[in-house]
Amino acid sequence: MNKLLAALVATLFAGATFAASHAGAPMAAASGAKPAASAEKKDSMKADAKTEKKAETKAEKKADKMEKKAEKAEAKAEKAEAKASAAKADASKAKAEAKAEKKADAASAKK
């Protein structure tokens, strides 16, 4: 009976050791090997990378949107400047016409 019990304990011990060595358990420190990263850590790293990628994409989209907005504002300012320049030219032309008309009136008044 003792032999049977000893064999059972030895089998359980060997099975547990084998399972631990094949289940990604940390290796003995004497071997100098580093333990493999756990699945949770890998998943966490993947999630962090995904989050970071999403944040970068969002930042790029926001920067593009702001750039387009700035370009629109610049185009609007250029258009307003052109409009002001045209108005100034029109005013200058009207002033010149008024001056010429005044001279013509003065000339006809002298006759």
Protein backbone atom coordinates (compact mmCIF):
# COMPACT_ATOMS: atom_id res chain seq x y z
CA MET A 1 0.00 0.00 0.00
CA ASN A 2 2.84 2.36 0.83
CA LYS A 3 4.41 1.71 -2.56
CA LEU A 4 1.12 2.48 -4.25
CA LEU A 5 0.73 5.72 -2.31
CA ALA A 6 4.33 6.74 -3.07
CA ALA A 7 3.83 6.08 -6.78
CA LEU A 8 0.64 8.17 -6.74
CA VAL A 9 2.39 11.12 -5.03
CA ALA A 10 5.35 10.86 -7.42
CA THR A 11 3.01 10.81 -10.44
CA LEU A 12 1.11 13.86 -9.19
CA PHE A 13 4.34 15.73 -8.52
CA ALA A 14 5.76 14.88 -11.96
CA GLY A 15 2.51 15.83 -13.68
CA ALA A 16 2.32 19.16 -11.87
CA THR A 17 5.93 19.95 -12.73
CA PHE A 18 5.41 19.05 -16.37
CA ALA A 19 2.23 21.16 -16.60
CA ALA A 20 3.93 24.13 -14.98
CA SER A 21 6.85 23.98 -17.37
CA HIS A 22 4.57 23.87 -20.41
CA ALA A 23 2.01 26.45 -19.28
CA GLY A 24 4.26 29.49 -19.62
CA ALA A 25 5.21 29.52 -15.98
CA PRO A 26 8.33 31.52 -15.09
CA MET A 27 11.53 29.54 -15.53
CA ALA A 28 14.02 28.98 -12.79
CA ALA A 29 16.29 31.95 -12.09
CA ALA A 30 19.38 29.79 -12.44
CA SER A 31 18.72 29.23 -16.15
CA GLY A 32 19.15 32.93 -16.90
CA ALA A 33 16.18 32.88 -19.26
CA LYS A 34 13.57 35.61 -18.95
CA PRO A 35 9.95 34.56 -18.61
CA ALA A 36 7.69 35.09 -21.61
CA ALA A 37 5.21 37.96 -21.48
CA SER A 38 1.79 36.86 -20.38
CA ALA A 39 -1.21 36.97 -22.68
CA GLU A 40 -2.75 39.74 -20.58
CA LYS A 41 0.35 41.89 -20.95
CA LYS A 42 0.38 41.32 -24.72
CA ASP A 43 -3.31 42.21 -24.94
CA SER A 44 -2.67 45.32 -22.88
CA MET A 45 0.19 46.33 -25.15
CA LYS A 46 -2.00 45.79 -28.23
CA ALA A 47 -4.78 47.86 -26.68
CA ASP A 48 -2.30 50.64 -25.85
CA ALA A 49 -0.97 50.60 -29.40
CA LYS A 50 -4.52 50.73 -30.79
CA THR A 51 -5.42 53.62 -28.50
CA GLU A 52 -2.26 55.47 -29.44
CA LYS A 53 -2.91 54.90 -33.16
CA LYS A 54 -6.49 56.15 -32.77
CA ALA A 55 -5.24 59.26 -30.94
CA GLU A 56 -2.68 59.95 -33.67
CA THR A 57 -5.30 59.52 -36.38
CA LYS A 58 -7.67 61.82 -34.53
CA ALA A 59 -4.94 64.43 -34.08
CA GLU A 60 -4.03 64.24 -37.79
CA LYS A 61 -7.67 64.67 -38.80
CA LYS A 62 -8.01 67.63 -36.46
CA ALA A 63 -4.83 69.21 -37.84
CA ASP A 64 -6.08 68.71 -41.42
CA LYS A 65 -9.41 70.26 -40.49
CA MET A 66 -7.70 73.27 -38.89
CA GLU A 67 -5.43 73.66 -41.92
CA LYS A 68 -8.42 73.67 -44.27
CA LYS A 69 -10.16 76.19 -42.04
CA ALA A 70 -7.08 78.43 -42.13
CA GLU A 71 -6.89 78.12 -45.92
CA LYS A 72 -10.56 79.10 -46.22
CA ALA A 73 -10.01 82.11 -43.96
CA GLU A 74 -6.97 83.14 -46.03
CA ALA A 75 -8.95 82.82 -49.27
CA LYS A 76 -11.77 84.86 -47.73
CA ALA A 77 -9.30 87.56 -46.65
CA GLU A 78 -7.78 87.67 -50.15
CA LYS A 79 -11.24 87.97 -51.67
CA ALA A 80 -12.12 90.82 -49.28
CA GLU A 81 -8.83 92.55 -50.10
CA ALA A 82 -9.55 92.27 -53.83
CA LYS A 83 -13.04 93.63 -53.25
CA ALA A 84 -11.63 96.56 -51.26
CA SER A 85 -9.06 97.24 -53.96
CA ALA A 86 -11.79 97.22 -56.62
CA ALA A 87 -13.93 99.58 -54.52
CA LYS A 88 -10.94 101.89 -54.08
CA ALA A 89 -10.34 101.86 -57.84
CA ASP A 90 -14.01 102.62 -58.45
CA ALA A 91 -13.90 105.48 -55.96
CA SER A 92 -10.74 106.80 -57.56
CA LYS A 93 -12.34 106.56 -61.01
CA ALA A 94 -15.48 108.32 -59.78
CA LYS A 95 -13.35 111.05 -58.22
CA ALA A 96 -11.45 111.51 -61.50
CA GLU A 97 -14.72 111.63 -63.45
CA ALA A 98 -16.15 114.19 -61.04
CA LYS A 99 -13.00 116.28 -61.38
CA ALA A 100 -13.16 116.10 -65.17
CA GLU A 101 -16.84 117.03 -65.13
CA LYS A 102 -16.11 119.96 -62.84
CA LYS A 103 -13.39 121.15 -65.25
CA ALA A 104 -15.79 120.78 -68.19
CA ASP A 105 -18.45 122.78 -66.33
CA ALA A 106 -15.91 125.45 -65.50
CA ALA A 107 -14.76 125.57 -69.13
CA SER A 108 -18.31 125.87 -70.42
CA ALA A 109 -19.05 128.56 -67.83
CA LYS A 110 -16.08 130.61 -69.15
CA LYS A 111 -17.45 130.50 -72.70
